[in-house]
PDB file of N, CA and C in Angstrom:
ATOM      1  N   UNK A   1      12.493  -2.799   6.802  1.00  0.00           N
ATOM      2  CA  UNK A   1      11.919  -4.228   5.928  1.00  0.00           C
ATOM      3  C   UNK A   1      12.454  -3.590   4.474  1.00  0.00           C
ATOM      4  N   UNK A   2      12.681  -4.519   3.779  1.00  0.00           N
ATOM      5  CA  UNK A   2      13.502  -4.145   2.176  1.00  0.00           C
ATOM      6  C   UNK A   2      12.212  -3.575   1.163  1.00  0.00           C
ATOM      7  N   UNK A   3      12.473  -3.185   0.697  1.00  0.00           N
ATOM      8  CA  UNK A   3      11.472  -2.265  -0.680  1.00  0.00           C
ATOM      9  C   UNK A   3      10.797  -3.290  -1.435  1.00  0.00           C
ATOM     10  N   UNK A   4      11.773  -4.687  -1.347  1.00  0.00           N
ATOM     11  CA  UNK A   4      10.890  -5.914  -2.499  1.00  0.00           C
ATOM     12  C   UNK A   4       9.698  -6.674  -1.502  1.00  0.00           C
ATOM     13  N   UNK A   5      10.002  -6.877   0.009  1.00  0.00           N
ATOM     14  CA  UNK A   5       9.167  -7.233   0.621  1.00  0.00           C
ATOM     15  C   UNK A   5       7.949  -6.236   0.834  1.00  0.00           C
ATOM     16  N   UNK A   6       7.780  -4.818   0.891  1.00  0.00           N
ATOM     17  CA  UNK A   6       7.045  -4.059   0.895  1.00  0.00           C
ATOM     18  C   UNK A   6       5.588  -4.340  -0.334  1.00  0.00           C
ATOM     19  N   UNK A   7       6.652  -4.381  -1.611  1.00  0.00           N
ATOM     20  CA  UNK A   7       5.797  -4.671  -2.728  1.00  0.00           C
ATOM     21  C   UNK A   7       5.003  -5.897  -2.762  1.00  0.00           C
ATOM     22  N   UNK A   8       5.933  -6.940  -2.292  1.00  0.00           N
ATOM     23  CA  UNK A   8       5.187  -8.024  -1.973  1.00  0.00           C
ATOM     24  C   UNK A   8       4.150  -8.389  -1.548  1.00  0.00           C
ATOM     25  N   UNK A   9       4.275  -7.666  -0.123  1.00  0.00           N
ATOM     26  CA  UNK A   9       3.183  -7.749   0.443  1.00  0.00           C
ATOM     27  C   UNK A   9       1.958  -6.972   0.475  1.00  0.00           C
ATOM     28  N   UNK A  10       2.383  -5.822  -0.443  1.00  0.00           N
ATOM     29  CA  UNK A  10       1.186  -4.788  -0.694  1.00  0.00           C
ATOM     30  C   UNK A  10       0.163  -5.740  -2.217  1.00  0.00           C
ATOM     31  N   UNK A  11       1.552  -6.415  -2.764  1.00  0.00           N
ATOM     32  CA  UNK A  11       1.017  -6.912  -4.063  1.00  0.00           C
ATOM     33  C   UNK A  11       0.075  -8.320  -3.565  1.00  0.00           C
ATOM     34  N   UNK A  12       0.453  -9.011  -2.782  1.00  0.00           N
ATOM     35  CA  UNK A  12      -0.240 -10.037  -2.219  1.00  0.00           C
ATOM     36  C   UNK A  12      -1.484  -9.519  -1.721  1.00  0.00           C
ATOM     37  N   UNK A  13      -2.024  -8.484  -0.871  1.00  0.00           N
ATOM     38  CA  UNK A  13      -3.356  -8.219  -0.820  1.00  0.00           C
ATOM     39  C   UNK A  13      -4.283  -7.684  -1.792  1.00  0.00           C
ATOM     40  N   UNK A  14      -3.168  -7.066  -2.878  1.00  0.00           N
ATOM     41  CA  UNK A  14      -3.769  -6.374  -4.157  1.00  0.00           C
ATOM     42  C   UNK A  14      -4.391  -7.701  -5.034  1.00  0.00           C
ATOM     43  N   UNK A  15      -3.436  -8.738  -4.855  1.00  0.00           N
ATOM     44  CA  UNK A  15      -4.339  -9.967  -6.135  1.00  0.00           C
ATOM     45  C   UNK A  15      -5.542 -10.361  -5.350  1.00  0.00           C
ATOM     46  N   UNK A  16      -5.304 -10.948  -3.989  1.00  0.00           N
ATOM     47  CA  UNK A  16      -6.618 -11.281  -2.947  1.00  0.00           C
ATOM     48  C   UNK A  16      -7.763 -10.491  -3.247  1.00  0.00           C
ATOM     49  N   UNK A  17      -7.536  -9.140  -3.187  1.00  0.00           N
ATOM     50  CA  UNK A  17      -8.714  -8.340  -3.259  1.00  0.00           C
ATOM     51  C   UNK A  17      -9.293  -7.646  -4.920  1.00  0.00           C
ATOM     52  N   UNK A  18      -8.347  -8.057  -5.829  1.00  0.00           N
ATOM     53  CA  UNK A  18      -8.871  -8.047  -7.115  1.00  0.00           C
ATOM     54  C   UNK A  18      -9.694  -9.170  -7.022  1.00  0.00           C
ATOM     55  N   UNK A  19     -10.280 -10.264  -6.358  1.00  0.00           N
ATOM     56  CA  UNK A  19     -11.015 -10.899  -7.130  1.00  0.00           C
ATOM     57  C   UNK A  19     -12.815 -10.653  -6.780  1.00  0.00           C
ATOM     58  N   UNK A  20     -12.726  -9.582  -5.997  1.00  0.00           N
ATOM     59  CA  UNK A  20     -14.115  -8.752  -5.606  1.00  0.00           C
ATOM     60  C   UNK A  20     -14.508  -7.810  -6.449  1.00  0.00           C
ATOM     61  N   UNK A  21     -15.736  -7.247  -6.357  1.00  0.00           N
ATOM     62  CA  UNK A  21     -16.336  -5.967  -7.047  1.00  0.00           C
ATOM     63  C   UNK A  21     -15.277  -5.073  -6.526  1.00  0.00           C
ATOM     64  N   UNK A  22     -14.927  -4.127  -7.667  1.00  0.00           N
ATOM     65  CA  UNK A  22     -13.489  -3.108  -7.794  1.00  0.00           C
ATOM     66  C   UNK A  22     -13.787  -2.594  -6.293  1.00  0.00           C
ATOM     67  N   UNK A  23     -14.629  -1.766  -5.738  1.00  0.00           N
ATOM     68  CA  UNK A  23     -15.087  -0.617  -5.098  1.00  0.00           C
ATOM     69  C   UNK A  23     -14.534  -1.286  -3.734  1.00  0.00           C
ATOM     70  N   UNK A  24     -15.371  -2.867  -3.782  1.00  0.00           N
ATOM     71  CA  UNK A  24     -14.926  -3.504  -2.488  1.00  0.00           C
ATOM     72  C   UNK A  24     -13.341  -3.980  -2.304  1.00  0.00           C
ATOM     73  N   UNK A  25     -12.806  -4.500  -3.579  1.00  0.00           N
ATOM     74  CA  UNK A  25     -11.538  -4.612  -3.341  1.00  0.00           C
ATOM     75  C   UNK A  25     -10.356  -3.137  -3.164  1.00  0.00           C
ATOM     76  N   UNK A  26     -10.686  -2.782  -3.627  1.00  0.00           N
ATOM     77  CA  UNK A  26     -10.177  -1.071  -3.231  1.00  0.00           C
ATOM     78  C   UNK A  26     -10.082  -0.824  -2.092  1.00  0.00           C
ATOM     79  N   UNK A  27     -10.931  -0.525  -1.492  1.00  0.00           N
ATOM     80  CA  UNK A  27     -11.985  -0.264   0.014  1.00  0.00           C
ATOM     81  C   UNK A  27     -10.995  -1.469   0.828  1.00  0.00           C
ATOM     82  N   UNK A  28     -11.034  -2.735   0.436  1.00  0.00           N
ATOM     83  CA  UNK A  28     -10.364  -3.740   1.295  1.00  0.00           C
ATOM     84  C   UNK A  28      -8.638  -3.668   1.374  1.00  0.00           C
ATOM     85  N   UNK A  29      -8.726  -3.318   0.252  1.00  0.00           N
ATOM     86  CA  UNK A  29      -6.653  -3.254   0.187  1.00  0.00           C
ATOM     87  C   UNK A  29      -6.751  -2.284   0.966  1.00  0.00           C
ATOM     88  N   UNK A  30      -7.380  -1.007   0.823  1.00  0.00           N
ATOM     89  CA  UNK A  30      -6.878   0.307   1.615  1.00  0.00           C
ATOM     90  C   UNK A  30      -7.259   0.057   3.192  1.00  0.00           C
ATOM     91  N   UNK A  31      -8.290  -0.342   3.432  1.00  0.00           N
ATOM     92  CA  UNK A  31      -8.459  -0.840   4.645  1.00  0.00           C
ATOM     93  C   UNK A  31      -7.540  -1.749   5.409  1.00  0.00           C
ATOM     94  N   UNK A  32      -7.054  -2.935   5.031  1.00  0.00           N
ATOM     95  CA  UNK A  32      -5.876  -3.673   5.271  1.00  0.00           C
ATOM     96  C   UNK A  32      -4.686  -2.689   5.947  1.00  0.00           C
ATOM     97  N   UNK A  33      -4.480  -1.861   5.086  1.00  0.00           N
ATOM     98  CA  UNK A  33      -3.261  -1.454   5.018  1.00  0.00           C
ATOM     99  C   UNK A  33      -3.091  -0.660   6.086  1.00  0.00           C
ATOM    100  N   UNK A  34      -4.014   0.387   5.895  1.00  0.00           N
ATOM    101  CA  UNK A  34      -4.607   1.368   7.520  1.00  0.00           C
ATOM    102  C   UNK A  34      -4.855   0.450   9.037  1.00  0.00           C
ATOM    103  N   UNK A  35      -5.555  -0.572   8.747  1.00  0.00           N
ATOM    104  CA  UNK A  35      -5.375  -1.414   9.778  1.00  0.00           C
ATOM    105  C   UNK A  35      -4.480  -1.881  10.309  1.00  0.00           C
ATOM    106  N   UNK A  36      -3.492  -2.628   9.356  1.00  0.00           N
ATOM    107  CA  UNK A  36      -2.870  -3.882  10.061  1.00  0.00           C
ATOM    108  C   UNK A  36      -1.343  -3.167   9.763  1.00  0.00           C
ATOM    109  N   UNK A  37      -1.029  -2.361   8.946  1.00  0.00           N
ATOM    110  CA  UNK A  37       0.431  -1.500   8.752  1.00  0.00           C
ATOM    111  C   UNK A  37       0.659  -0.603   9.886  1.00  0.00           C
ATOM    112  N   UNK A  38       1.928  -0.805  10.311  1.00  0.00           N
ATOM    113  CA  UNK A  38       2.401   0.290  11.092  1.00  0.00           C
ATOM    114  C   UNK A  38       2.900   1.633  10.349  1.00  0.00           C
ATOM    115  N   UNK A  39       2.955   2.618  10.904  1.00  0.00           N
ATOM    116  CA  UNK A  39       3.413   3.833  10.286  1.00  0.00           C
ATOM    117  C   UNK A  39       4.948   3.526   9.318  1.00  0.00           C
ATOM    118  N   UNK A  40       5.714   3.102   9.638  1.00  0.00           N
ATOM    119  CA  UNK A  40       7.065   2.951   9.235  1.00  0.00           C
ATOM    120  C   UNK A  40       6.862   1.991   7.802  1.00  0.00           C
ATOM    121  N   UNK A  41       5.709   0.813   8.047  1.00  0.00           N
ATOM    122  CA  UNK A  41       5.658   0.431   6.531  1.00  0.00           C
ATOM    123  C   UNK A  41       4.659   1.455   5.507  1.00  0.00           C
ATOM    124  N   UNK A  42       3.620   1.854   6.145  1.00  0.00           N
ATOM    125  CA  UNK A  42       3.020   3.273   5.052  1.00  0.00           C
ATOM    126  C   UNK A  42       4.199   3.938   4.537  1.00  0.00           C
ATOM    127  N   UNK A  43       5.130   4.262   5.601  1.00  0.00           N
ATOM    128  CA  UNK A  43       5.917   5.402   4.844  1.00  0.00           C
ATOM    129  C   UNK A  43       6.729   4.699   3.798  1.00  0.00           C
ATOM    130  N   UNK A  44       7.662   3.796   3.903  1.00  0.00           N
ATOM    131  CA  UNK A  44       7.924   2.909   3.028  1.00  0.00           C
ATOM    132  C   UNK A  44       7.240   2.745   1.551  1.00  0.00           C
ATOM    133  N   UNK A  45       6.359   2.176   1.689  1.00  0.00           N
ATOM    134  CA  UNK A  45       5.126   2.036   1.087  1.00  0.00           C
ATOM    135  C   UNK A  45       4.856   3.363  -0.149  1.00  0.00           C
ATOM    136  N   UNK A  46       4.467   4.650   0.876  1.00  0.00           N
ATOM    137  CA  UNK A  46       4.123   5.931  -0.143  1.00  0.00           C
ATOM    138  C   UNK A  46       5.122   6.228  -0.524  1.00  0.00           C
ATOM    139  N   UNK A  47       6.840   6.066  -0.099  1.00  0.00           N
ATOM    140  CA  UNK A  47       7.758   6.345  -1.187  1.00  0.00           C
ATOM    141  C   UNK A  47       8.097   5.626  -2.323  1.00  0.00           C
ATOM    142  N   UNK A  48       7.519   4.126  -2.234  1.00  0.00           N
ATOM    143  CA  UNK A  48       7.706   3.152  -3.587  1.00  0.00           C
ATOM    144  C   UNK A  48       6.379   4.271  -4.333  1.00  0.00           C
ATOM    145  N   UNK A  49       5.400   4.480  -4.029  1.00  0.00           N
ATOM    146  CA  UNK A  49       4.252   5.040  -4.647  1.00  0.00           C
ATOM    147  C   UNK A  49       4.701   6.321  -5.318  1.00  0.00           C
ATOM    148  N   UNK A  50       5.118   6.680  -4.746  1.00  0.00           N
ATOM    149  CA  UNK A  50       5.546   8.297  -5.127  1.00  0.00           C
ATOM    150  C   UNK A  50       6.948   8.444  -5.955  1.00  0.00           C
ATOM    151  N   UNK A  51       7.462   7.391  -5.959  1.00  0.00           N
ATOM    152  CA  UNK A  51       8.752   6.673  -7.017  1.00  0.00           C
ATOM    153  C   UNK A  51       8.100   6.308  -8.077  1.00  0.00           C
ATOM    154  N   UNK A  52       6.609   5.802  -8.214  1.00  0.00           N
ATOM    155  CA  UNK A  52       5.891   5.200  -9.201  1.00  0.00           C
ATOM    156  C   UNK A  52       6.693   4.320  -9.565  1.00  0.00           C
ATOM    157  N   UNK A  53       6.620   3.072  -8.564  1.00  0.00           N
ATOM    158  CA  UNK A  53       7.491   1.745  -8.934  1.00  0.00           C
ATOM    159  C   UNK A  53       6.632   0.916  -9.406  1.00  0.00           C
ATOM    160  N   UNK A  54       6.996   0.189 -10.583  1.00  0.00           N
ATOM    161  CA  UNK A  54       6.517  -0.543 -11.813  1.00  0.00           C
ATOM    162  C   UNK A  54       5.797  -1.800 -11.334  1.00  0.00           C
ATOM    163  N   UNK A  55       6.122  -2.320 -10.281  1.00  0.00           N
ATOM    164  CA  UNK A  55       6.389  -3.618  -9.610  1.00  0.00           C
ATOM    165  C   UNK A  55       5.134  -3.629  -9.005  1.00  0.00           C
ATOM    166  N   UNK A  56       4.556  -2.609  -8.241  1.00  0.00           N
ATOM    167  CA  UNK A  56       3.248  -2.665  -7.615  1.00  0.00           C
ATOM    168  C   UNK A  56       1.896  -2.563  -8.771  1.00  0.00           C
ATOM    169  N   UNK A  57       0.817  -3.379  -8.134  1.00  0.00           N
ATOM    170  CA  UNK A  57       0.125  -3.606  -8.676  1.00  0.00           C
ATOM    171  C   UNK A  57      -1.030  -2.468  -9.130  1.00  0.00           C
ATOM    172  N   UNK A  58      -1.291  -2.367 -10.417  1.00  0.00           N
ATOM    173  CA  UNK A  58      -2.695  -0.976 -10.264  1.00  0.00           C
ATOM    174  C   UNK A  58      -3.993  -1.232  -9.344  1.00  0.00           C
ATOM    175  N   UNK A  59      -3.820  -1.637  -8.301  1.00  0.00           N
ATOM    176  CA  UNK A  59      -4.863  -1.510  -7.554  1.00  0.00           C
ATOM    177  C   UNK A  59      -4.214  -1.039  -6.448  1.00  0.00           C
ATOM    178  N   UNK A  60      -3.002  -1.639  -5.988  1.00  0.00           N
ATOM    179  CA  UNK A  60      -2.272  -0.540  -5.048  1.00  0.00           C
ATOM    180  C   UNK A  60      -2.132   1.142  -5.270  1.00  0.00           C
ATOM    181  N   UNK A  61      -1.801   1.025  -6.312  1.00  0.00           N
ATOM    182  CA  UNK A  61      -1.399   2.576  -6.748  1.00  0.00           C
ATOM    183  C   UNK A  61      -3.218   3.469  -6.628  1.00  0.00           C
ATOM    184  N   UNK A  62      -4.029   2.898  -6.856  1.00  0.00           N
ATOM    185  CA  UNK A  62      -5.280   3.459  -7.166  1.00  0.00           C
ATOM    186  C   UNK A  62      -5.713   3.632  -5.742  1.00  0.00           C
ATOM    187  N   UNK A  63      -5.391   2.369  -4.728  1.00  0.00           N
ATOM    188  CA  UNK A  63      -5.935   2.774  -3.256  1.00  0.00           C
ATOM    189  C   UNK A  63      -5.046   3.540  -2.561  1.00  0.00           C
ATOM    190  N   UNK A  64      -4.028   3.961  -3.050  1.00  0.00           N
ATOM    191  CA  UNK A  64      -3.144   5.139  -2.595  1.00  0.00           C
ATOM    192  C   UNK A  64      -3.951   6.375  -1.559  1.00  0.00           C
ATOM    193  N   UNK A  65      -4.705   6.716  -2.642  1.00  0.00           N
ATOM    194  CA  UNK A  65      -5.759   8.047  -2.079  1.00  0.00           C
ATOM    195  C   UNK A  65      -6.460   7.662  -0.971  1.00  0.00           C
ATOM    196  N   UNK A  66      -6.654   6.259  -0.561  1.00  0.00           N
ATOM    197  CA  UNK A  66      -7.709   5.911   0.879  1.00  0.00           C
ATOM    198  C   UNK A  66      -6.535   5.286   1.838  1.00  0.00           C
ATOM    199  N   UNK A  67      -5.725   5.217   1.486  1.00  0.00           N
ATOM    200  CA  UNK A  67      -4.281   4.995   2.413  1.00  0.00           C
ATOM    201  C   UNK A  67      -4.084   5.777   3.402  1.00  0.00           C
ATOM    202  N   UNK A  68      -3.781   6.258   4.828  1.00  0.00           N
ATOM    203  CA  UNK A  68      -3.644   6.786   5.272  1.00  0.00           C
ATOM    204  C   UNK A  68      -1.772   7.162   5.341  1.00  0.00           C
ATOM    205  N   UNK A  69      -1.639   8.488   4.661  1.00  0.00           N
ATOM    206  CA  UNK A  69      -0.083   8.628   4.854  1.00  0.00           C
ATOM    207  C   UNK A  69       0.623   9.450   5.978  1.00  0.00           C
ATOM    208  N   UNK A  70       1.097   8.737   6.749  1.00  0.00           N
ATOM    209  CA  UNK A  70       2.264   8.751   7.951  1.00  0.00           C
ATOM    210  C   UNK A  70       2.567   9.804   7.807  1.00  0.00           C
ATOM    211  N   UNK A  71       2.543  10.746   9.145  1.00  0.00           N
ATOM    212  CA  UNK A  71       3.603  11.747   9.203  1.00  0.00           C
ATOM    213  C   UNK A  71       4.955  11.424   8.543  1.00  0.00           C
ATOM    214  N   UNK A  72       6.111  12.224   8.500  1.00  0.00           N
ATOM    215  CA  UNK A  72       7.335  11.934   7.798  1.00  0.00           C
ATOM    216  C   UNK A  72       7.849  11.636   9.325  1.00  0.00           C
ATOM    217  N   UNK A  73       8.783  10.439   9.252  1.00  0.00           N
ATOM    218  CA  UNK A  73       9.579  10.262  10.309  1.00  0.00           C
ATOM    219  C   UNK A  73      10.631  11.121  10.922  1.00  0.00           C
ATOM    220  N   UNK A  74      10.392  11.458  12.355  1.00  0.00           N
ATOM    221  CA  UNK A  74      11.317  12.928  12.775  1.00  0.00           C
ATOM    222  C   UNK A  74      12.855  12.338  12.159  1.00  0.00           C
ATOM    223  N   UNK A  75      13.430  13.438  12.388  1.00  0.00           N
ATOM    224  CA  UNK A  75      15.223  13.281  11.942  1.00  0.00           C
ATOM    225  C   UNK A  75      15.748  13.093  13.349  1.00  0.00           C
ATOM    226  N   UNK A  76      16.639  11.963  13.346  1.00  0.00           N
ATOM    227  CA  UNK A  76      17.540  11.862  14.522  1.00  0.00           C
ATOM    228  C   UNK A  76      18.776  12.474  14.643  1.00  0.00           C
TER     229      UNK A  76
END
């Protein structure tokens, strides 16, 4: 999946969750990504977070601590 699509999807979830009280939105964003994103998608998201991607919404960056970081992809 492209980096742009990962950013767009994470930001769409964040935008929805920003309408809730902060703690609830933060938990909701992390919970949604943990429950519905496969490890490969979360790996891509963390690569963007670790790189400090400026296009990710602040709530995504803040929720990163509660999102399960998948193990590195095995080398082929």
